Amino acid sequence: MEITTLITKYDINNKPVYAKILYKPNEKNLFAITIYEDNNSWSGEFSHELAKKNRERVIETEEVYNENVMKVLSKHTDTDYSFDLTLHADDNNAATFSWKKKLRSGALVHGSVVVHRDEVPVSKDSILDILILENLELKSKLKSVNLKNEELSQDLDKCVESLEKATELKEASEEILYGKFVQLLNSKKRRIKLLEDNISKYSKLN
């Protein structure tokens, strides 16, 4: 399965919080997440077992739930959802990151994952490294697309040129055929005229 890295920004308690989500489903987990908050970083994994508990609560199939999770976490500007990072009362080195669907009567937790404070905080510079790499990949893809477009344009020019030559050849062939047809028609007319003249002479002799 294709590995996808998402870089997102959430508004939590009126503060920007960044997250890096590595979507790499395996036998145990659906994705891994690192959250950057102030000078701290928090890391955790969203297991299939946890996903099952959450999707049963919101009544979604496994396929639909997994797809919705990635949509929600990547579309951080979606106003239908809110995001929260709550420290555990009994452990300051653990927190729960959750995303909730807003309802008229409140909010429904669509999913949550426990994250732990990294002993050595992961620098936000790692996000820049990912974005720079993505930018280079996009530039490479753009270059490839431009080259492909150039090849297609050249092929199109060749096709147009071939079509023009074919049209010219067709017109020339039609002119030749028409000329031969006129010649044949004139020849038949002359033969008919000659035949008529001979018949006329023969009639006069008799």
C-alpha atoms as a PDB file:
ATOM      1  CA  MET A   1       0.000   0.000   0.000  1.00  0.00           C
ATOM      2  CA  GLU A   2       1.211   3.487  -0.824  1.00  0.00           C
ATOM      3  CA  ILE A   3       2.804   5.405   2.045  1.00  0.00           C
ATOM      4  CA  THR A   4       1.412   8.914   2.503  1.00  0.00           C
ATOM      5  CA  THR A   5       2.854  11.654   4.692  1.00  0.00           C
ATOM      6  CA  LEU A   6       0.488  14.455   5.683  1.00  0.00           C
ATOM      7  CA  ILE A   7       1.564  17.775   7.169  1.00  0.00           C
ATOM      8  CA  THR A   8      -1.336  19.563   8.835  1.00  0.00           C
ATOM      9  CA  LYS A   9      -2.057  22.490  11.113  1.00  0.00           C
ATOM     10  CA  TYR A  10      -4.861  22.453  13.675  1.00  0.00           C
ATOM     11  CA  ASP A  11      -6.326  25.225  15.767  1.00  0.00           C
ATOM     12  CA  ILE A  12      -6.326  23.910  19.336  1.00  0.00           C
ATOM     13  CA  ASN A  13      -7.245  26.278  22.155  1.00  0.00           C
ATOM     14  CA  ASN A  14      -6.730  29.186  19.736  1.00  0.00           C
ATOM     15  CA  LYS A  15      -3.143  28.086  19.113  1.00  0.00           C
ATOM     16  CA  PRO A  16      -1.653  26.616  15.931  1.00  0.00           C
ATOM     17  CA  VAL A  17      -0.551  23.027  16.442  1.00  0.00           C
ATOM     18  CA  TYR A  18       1.255  21.177  13.686  1.00  0.00           C
ATOM     19  CA  ALA A  19       1.144  17.458  13.018  1.00  0.00           C
ATOM     20  CA  LYS A  20       2.933  14.983  10.796  1.00  0.00           C
ATOM     21  CA  ILE A  21       0.883  11.910   9.957  1.00  0.00           C
ATOM     22  CA  LEU A  22       2.540   8.893   8.373  1.00  0.00           C
ATOM     23  CA  TYR A  23      -0.221   6.855   6.770  1.00  0.00           C
ATOM     24  CA  LYS A  24       1.369   3.425   6.490  1.00  0.00           C
ATOM     25  CA  PRO A  25      -1.155   0.701   7.348  1.00  0.00           C
ATOM     26  CA  ASN A  26       0.335  -2.534   8.675  1.00  0.00           C
ATOM     27  CA  GLU A  27      -0.947  -5.493  10.677  1.00  0.00           C
ATOM     28  CA  LYS A  28      -1.148  -3.444  13.891  1.00  0.00           C
ATOM     29  CA  ASN A  29      -1.576   0.241  13.060  1.00  0.00           C
ATOM     30  CA  LEU A  30      -3.376   2.463  10.579  1.00  0.00           C
ATOM     31  CA  PHE A  31      -1.042   5.448  10.932  1.00  0.00           C
ATOM     32  CA  ALA A  32       1.633   7.051  13.106  1.00  0.00           C
ATOM     33  CA  ILE A  33       1.404  10.658  14.232  1.00  0.00           C
ATOM     34  CA  THR A  34       3.771  13.275  15.647  1.00  0.00           C
ATOM     35  CA  ILE A  35       2.298  16.466  17.086  1.00  0.00           C
ATOM     36  CA  TYR A  36       4.358  19.636  17.526  1.00  0.00           C
ATOM     37  CA  GLU A  37       3.076  21.817  20.355  1.00  0.00           C
ATOM     38  CA  ASP A  38       5.152  24.760  21.599  1.00  0.00           C
ATOM     39  CA  ASN A  39       8.576  23.269  22.425  1.00  0.00           C
ATOM     40  CA  ASN A  40       7.247  19.746  22.829  1.00  0.00           C
ATOM     41  CA  SER A  41       6.583  16.936  20.418  1.00  0.00           C
ATOM     42  CA  TRP A  42       4.203  14.052  20.986  1.00  0.00           C
ATOM     43  CA  SER A  43       4.202  10.748  19.159  1.00  0.00           C
ATOM     44  CA  GLY A  44       1.726   7.910  18.958  1.00  0.00           C
ATOM     45  CA  GLU A  45       0.133   5.288  16.734  1.00  0.00           C
ATOM     46  CA  PHE A  46      -3.492   4.764  15.783  1.00  0.00           C
ATOM     47  CA  SER A  47      -4.072   1.013  15.994  1.00  0.00           C
ATOM     48  CA  HIS A  48      -6.650  -1.046  14.094  1.00  0.00           C
ATOM     49  CA  GLU A  49      -8.084  -2.089  17.457  1.00  0.00           C
ATOM     50  CA  LEU A  50      -8.622   1.545  18.423  1.00  0.00           C
ATOM     51  CA  ALA A  51     -10.055   2.291  14.983  1.00  0.00           C
ATOM     52  CA  LYS A  52     -12.543  -0.564  15.439  1.00  0.00           C
ATOM     53  CA  LYS A  53     -13.775   0.832  18.773  1.00  0.00           C
ATOM     54  CA  ASN A  54     -14.205   4.284  17.249  1.00  0.00           C
ATOM     55  CA  ARG A  55     -15.985   3.173  14.082  1.00  0.00           C
ATOM     56  CA  GLU A  56     -18.408   1.036  16.091  1.00  0.00           C
ATOM     57  CA  ARG A  57     -19.308   4.135  18.076  1.00  0.00           C
ATOM     58  CA  VAL A  58     -19.932   6.269  14.985  1.00  0.00           C
ATOM     59  CA  ILE A  59     -21.466   3.322  13.066  1.00  0.00           C
ATOM     60  CA  GLU A  60     -19.226   3.238   9.994  1.00  0.00           C
ATOM     61  CA  THR A  61     -17.763   0.332   8.054  1.00  0.00           C
ATOM     62  CA  GLU A  62     -14.017  -0.263   8.255  1.00  0.00           C
ATOM     63  CA  GLU A  63     -13.386   1.022   4.727  1.00  0.00           C
ATOM     64  CA  VAL A  64     -15.561   4.122   5.162  1.00  0.00           C
ATOM     65  CA  TYR A  65     -14.150   4.910   8.610  1.00  0.00           C
ATOM     66  CA  ASN A  66     -10.495   4.609   7.555  1.00  0.00           C
ATOM     67  CA  GLU A  67     -11.163   6.826   4.540  1.00  0.00           C
ATOM     68  CA  ASN A  68     -13.004   9.421   6.639  1.00  0.00           C
ATOM     69  CA  VAL A  69     -10.225   9.500   9.234  1.00  0.00           C
ATOM     70  CA  MET A  70      -7.645  10.476   6.635  1.00  0.00           C
ATOM     71  CA  LYS A  71      -9.993  13.031   5.084  1.00  0.00           C
ATOM     72  CA  VAL A  72     -10.696  14.650   8.445  1.00  0.00           C
ATOM     73  CA  LEU A  73      -7.062  14.737   9.537  1.00  0.00           C
ATOM     74  CA  SER A  74      -5.852  16.147   6.230  1.00  0.00           C
ATOM     75  CA  LYS A  75      -8.659  18.699   5.739  1.00  0.00           C
ATOM     76  CA  HIS A  76      -7.791  20.713   8.818  1.00  0.00           C
ATOM     77  CA  THR A  77      -9.871  23.699   7.698  1.00  0.00           C
ATOM     78  CA  ASP A  78     -13.063  21.621   7.741  1.00  0.00           C
ATOM     79  CA  THR A  79     -15.413  23.491  10.110  1.00  0.00           C
ATOM     80  CA  ASP A  80     -17.478  20.337  10.685  1.00  0.00           C
ATOM     81  CA  TYR A  81     -14.754  18.990  12.961  1.00  0.00           C
ATOM     82  CA  SER A  82     -12.813  20.277  15.939  1.00  0.00           C
ATOM     83  CA  PHE A  83      -9.495  19.019  17.292  1.00  0.00           C
ATOM     84  CA  ASP A  84      -8.218  18.702  20.837  1.00  0.00           C
ATOM     85  CA  LEU A  85      -5.029  17.753  22.664  1.00  0.00           C
ATOM     86  CA  THR A  86      -5.679  16.931  26.331  1.00  0.00           C
ATOM     87  CA  LEU A  87      -3.008  16.083  28.887  1.00  0.00           C
ATOM     88  CA  HIS A  88      -3.662  13.048  31.083  1.00  0.00           C
ATOM     89  CA  ALA A  89      -4.304  14.031  34.678  1.00  0.00           C
ATOM     90  CA  ASP A  90      -2.190  11.170  36.030  1.00  0.00           C
ATOM     91  CA  ASP A  91       0.655  11.473  33.526  1.00  0.00           C
ATOM     92  CA  ASN A  92       1.977  14.757  32.150  1.00  0.00           C
ATOM     93  CA  ASN A  93       3.962  12.850  29.562  1.00  0.00           C
ATOM     94  CA  ALA A  94       0.832  11.464  27.926  1.00  0.00           C
ATOM     95  CA  ALA A  95      -2.002  13.200  26.103  1.00  0.00           C
ATOM     96  CA  THR A  96      -4.996  12.327  23.951  1.00  0.00           C
ATOM     97  CA  PHE A  97      -5.356  13.842  20.516  1.00  0.00           C
ATOM     98  CA  SER A  98      -8.957  13.666  19.338  1.00  0.00           C
ATOM     99  CA  TRP A  99     -11.097  14.868  16.449  1.00  0.00           C
ATOM    100  CA  LYS A 100     -14.783  15.509  16.974  1.00  0.00           C
ATOM    101  CA  LYS A 101     -17.662  15.995  14.585  1.00  0.00           C
ATOM    102  CA  LYS A 102     -19.694  19.047  15.486  1.00  0.00           C
ATOM    103  CA  LEU A 103     -23.397  18.423  16.099  1.00  0.00           C
ATOM    104  CA  ARG A 104     -26.258  20.734  16.999  1.00  0.00           C
ATOM    105  CA  SER A 105     -26.434  19.180  20.435  1.00  0.00           C
ATOM    106  CA  GLY A 106     -22.674  19.052  21.005  1.00  0.00           C
ATOM    107  CA  ALA A 107     -19.905  16.978  19.452  1.00  0.00           C
ATOM    108  CA  LEU A 108     -19.275  13.326  18.640  1.00  0.00           C
ATOM    109  CA  VAL A 109     -15.762  11.937  19.024  1.00  0.00           C
ATOM    110  CA  HIS A 110     -14.949  10.451  15.639  1.00  0.00           C
ATOM    111  CA  GLY A 111     -11.528   9.258  16.724  1.00  0.00           C
ATOM    112  CA  SER A 112      -8.726   9.679  19.234  1.00  0.00           C
ATOM    113  CA  VAL A 113      -5.179   8.495  19.751  1.00  0.00           C
ATOM    114  CA  VAL A 114      -2.931   8.530  22.814  1.00  0.00           C
ATOM    115  CA  VAL A 115       0.386  10.280  22.217  1.00  0.00           C
ATOM    116  CA  HIS A 116       3.436  10.429  24.463  1.00  0.00           C
ATOM    117  CA  ARG A 117       5.840  13.287  24.995  1.00  0.00           C
ATOM    118  CA  ASP A 118       9.107  12.615  23.194  1.00  0.00           C
ATOM    119  CA  GLU A 119      12.090  12.560  25.555  1.00  0.00           C
ATOM    120  CA  VAL A 120      14.056  14.397  22.900  1.00  0.00           C
ATOM    121  CA  PRO A 121      11.624  16.775  21.180  1.00  0.00           C
ATOM    122  CA  VAL A 122      11.426  16.350  17.433  1.00  0.00           C
ATOM    123  CA  SER A 123      12.255  19.666  15.780  1.00  0.00           C
ATOM    124  CA  LYS A 124       9.687  21.391  13.591  1.00  0.00           C
ATOM    125  CA  ASP A 125      12.503  21.633  11.068  1.00  0.00           C
ATOM    126  CA  SER A 126      11.677  18.042  10.155  1.00  0.00           C
ATOM    127  CA  ILE A 127       8.393  19.379   8.756  1.00  0.00           C
ATOM    128  CA  LEU A 128      10.344  21.786   6.568  1.00  0.00           C
ATOM    129  CA  ASP A 129      12.515  18.911   5.373  1.00  0.00           C
ATOM    130  CA  ILE A 130       9.400  16.979   4.341  1.00  0.00           C
ATOM    131  CA  LEU A 131       7.891  19.996   2.597  1.00  0.00           C
ATOM    132  CA  ILE A 132      11.159  20.684   0.769  1.00  0.00           C
ATOM    133  CA  LEU A 133      11.304  17.049  -0.346  1.00  0.00           C
ATOM    134  CA  GLU A 134       7.676  17.197  -1.489  1.00  0.00           C
ATOM    135  CA  ASN A 135       8.448  20.398  -3.396  1.00  0.00           C
ATOM    136  CA  LEU A 136      11.372  18.716  -5.144  1.00  0.00           C
ATOM    137  CA  GLU A 137       9.186  15.728  -6.007  1.00  0.00           C
ATOM    138  CA  LEU A 138       6.501  18.032  -7.389  1.00  0.00           C
ATOM    139  CA  LYS A 139       9.090  19.881  -9.468  1.00  0.00           C
ATOM    140  CA  SER A 140      10.348  16.556 -10.798  1.00  0.00           C
ATOM    141  CA  LYS A 141       6.796  15.456 -11.660  1.00  0.00           C
ATOM    142  CA  LEU A 142       6.106  18.824 -13.295  1.00  0.00           C
ATOM    143  CA  LYS A 143       9.265  18.503 -15.385  1.00  0.00           C
ATOM    144  CA  SER A 144       8.201  15.009 -16.414  1.00  0.00           C
ATOM    145  CA  VAL A 145       4.715  16.245 -17.333  1.00  0.00           C
ATOM    146  CA  ASN A 146       6.163  19.137 -19.352  1.00  0.00           C
ATOM    147  CA  LEU A 147       8.449  16.752 -21.252  1.00  0.00           C
ATOM    148  CA  LYS A 148       5.514  14.452 -21.918  1.00  0.00           C
ATOM    149  CA  ASN A 149       3.420  17.388 -23.126  1.00  0.00           C
ATOM    150  CA  GLU A 150       6.255  18.458 -25.412  1.00  0.00           C
ATOM    151  CA  GLU A 151       6.467  14.932 -26.854  1.00  0.00           C
ATOM    152  CA  LEU A 152       2.698  14.857 -27.358  1.00  0.00           C
ATOM    153  CA  SER A 153       2.841  18.276 -29.024  1.00  0.00           C
ATOM    154  CA  GLN A 154       5.553  17.062 -31.397  1.00  0.00           C
ATOM    155  CA  ASP A 155       3.554  13.908 -32.147  1.00  0.00           C
ATOM    156  CA  LEU A 156       0.503  16.069 -32.809  1.00  0.00           C
ATOM    157  CA  ASP A 157       2.475  18.264 -35.217  1.00  0.00           C
ATOM    158  CA  LYS A 158       3.658  15.141 -37.039  1.00  0.00           C
ATOM    159  CA  CYS A 159       0.089  13.832 -37.229  1.00  0.00           C
ATOM    160  CA  VAL A 160      -1.148  17.166 -38.596  1.00  0.00           C
ATOM    161  CA  GLU A 161       1.673  17.202 -41.148  1.00  0.00           C
ATOM    162  CA  SER A 162       0.881  13.608 -42.175  1.00  0.00           C
ATOM    163  CA  LEU A 163      -2.805  14.460 -42.443  1.00  0.00           C
ATOM    164  CA  GLU A 164      -2.048  17.492 -44.616  1.00  0.00           C
ATOM    165  CA  LYS A 165       0.155  15.374 -46.893  1.00  0.00           C
ATOM    166  CA  ALA A 166      -2.525  12.690 -47.061  1.00  0.00           C
ATOM    167  CA  THR A 167      -5.110  15.342 -47.945  1.00  0.00           C
ATOM    168  CA  GLU A 168      -2.862  16.773 -50.665  1.00  0.00           C
ATOM    169  CA  LEU A 169      -2.230  13.265 -52.025  1.00  0.00           C
ATOM    170  CA  LYS A 170      -5.958  12.522 -51.973  1.00  0.00           C
ATOM    171  CA  GLU A 171      -6.747  15.750 -53.833  1.00  0.00           C
ATOM    172  CA  ALA A 172      -3.994  15.063 -56.387  1.00  0.00           C
ATOM    173  CA  SER A 173      -5.274  11.508 -56.881  1.00  0.00           C
ATOM    174  CA  GLU A 174      -8.816  12.790 -57.335  1.00  0.00           C
ATOM    175  CA  GLU A 175      -7.614  15.300 -59.952  1.00  0.00           C
ATOM    176  CA  ILE A 176      -5.765  12.559 -61.841  1.00  0.00           C
ATOM    177  CA  LEU A 177      -8.779  10.246 -61.697  1.00  0.00           C
ATOM    178  CA  TYR A 178     -11.065  13.060 -62.798  1.00  0.00           C
ATOM    179  CA  GLY A 179      -8.723  13.877 -65.696  1.00  0.00           C
ATOM    180  CA  LYS A 180      -8.669  10.240 -66.787  1.00  0.00           C
ATOM    181  CA  PHE A 181     -12.433  10.073 -66.483  1.00  0.00           C
ATOM    182  CA  VAL A 182     -12.806  13.167 -68.708  1.00  0.00           C
ATOM    183  CA  GLN A 183     -10.375  11.690 -71.221  1.00  0.00           C
ATOM    184  CA  LEU A 184     -12.290   8.412 -71.266  1.00  0.00           C
ATOM    185  CA  LEU A 185     -15.589  10.241 -71.611  1.00  0.00           C
ATOM    186  CA  ASN A 186     -14.288  12.360 -74.502  1.00  0.00           C
ATOM    187  CA  SER A 187     -12.883   9.247 -76.155  1.00  0.00           C
ATOM    188  CA  LYS A 188     -16.260   7.539 -75.926  1.00  0.00           C
ATOM    189  CA  LYS A 189     -17.966  10.636 -77.290  1.00  0.00           C
ATOM    190  CA  ARG A 190     -15.603  10.656 -80.287  1.00  0.00           C
ATOM    191  CA  ARG A 191     -16.210   6.968 -80.914  1.00  0.00           C
ATOM    192  CA  ILE A 192     -19.961   7.463 -80.680  1.00  0.00           C
ATOM    193  CA  LYS A 193     -19.739  10.447 -83.034  1.00  0.00           C
ATOM    194  CA  LEU A 194     -17.641   8.428 -85.453  1.00  0.00           C
ATOM    195  CA  LEU A 195     -20.106   5.559 -85.263  1.00  0.00           C
ATOM    196  CA  GLU A 196     -23.024   7.917 -85.858  1.00  0.00           C
ATOM    197  CA  ASP A 197     -21.239   9.451 -88.878  1.00  0.00           C
ATOM    198  CA  ASN A 198     -20.577   6.008 -90.339  1.00  0.00           C
ATOM    199  CA  ILE A 199     -24.197   4.979 -89.828  1.00  0.00           C
ATOM    200  CA  SER A 200     -25.324   8.214 -91.491  1.00  0.00           C
ATOM    201  CA  LYS A 201     -23.056   7.596 -94.505  1.00  0.00           C
ATOM    202  CA  TYR A 202     -24.220   4.028 -94.797  1.00  0.00           C
ATOM    203  CA  SER A 203     -27.835   5.133 -94.716  1.00  0.00           C
ATOM    204  CA  LYS A 204     -27.257   7.631 -97.547  1.00  0.00           C
ATOM    205  CA  LEU A 205     -25.611   4.999 -99.696  1.00  0.00           C
ATOM    206  CA  ASN A 206     -28.652   2.797 -99.394  1.00  0.00           C
END
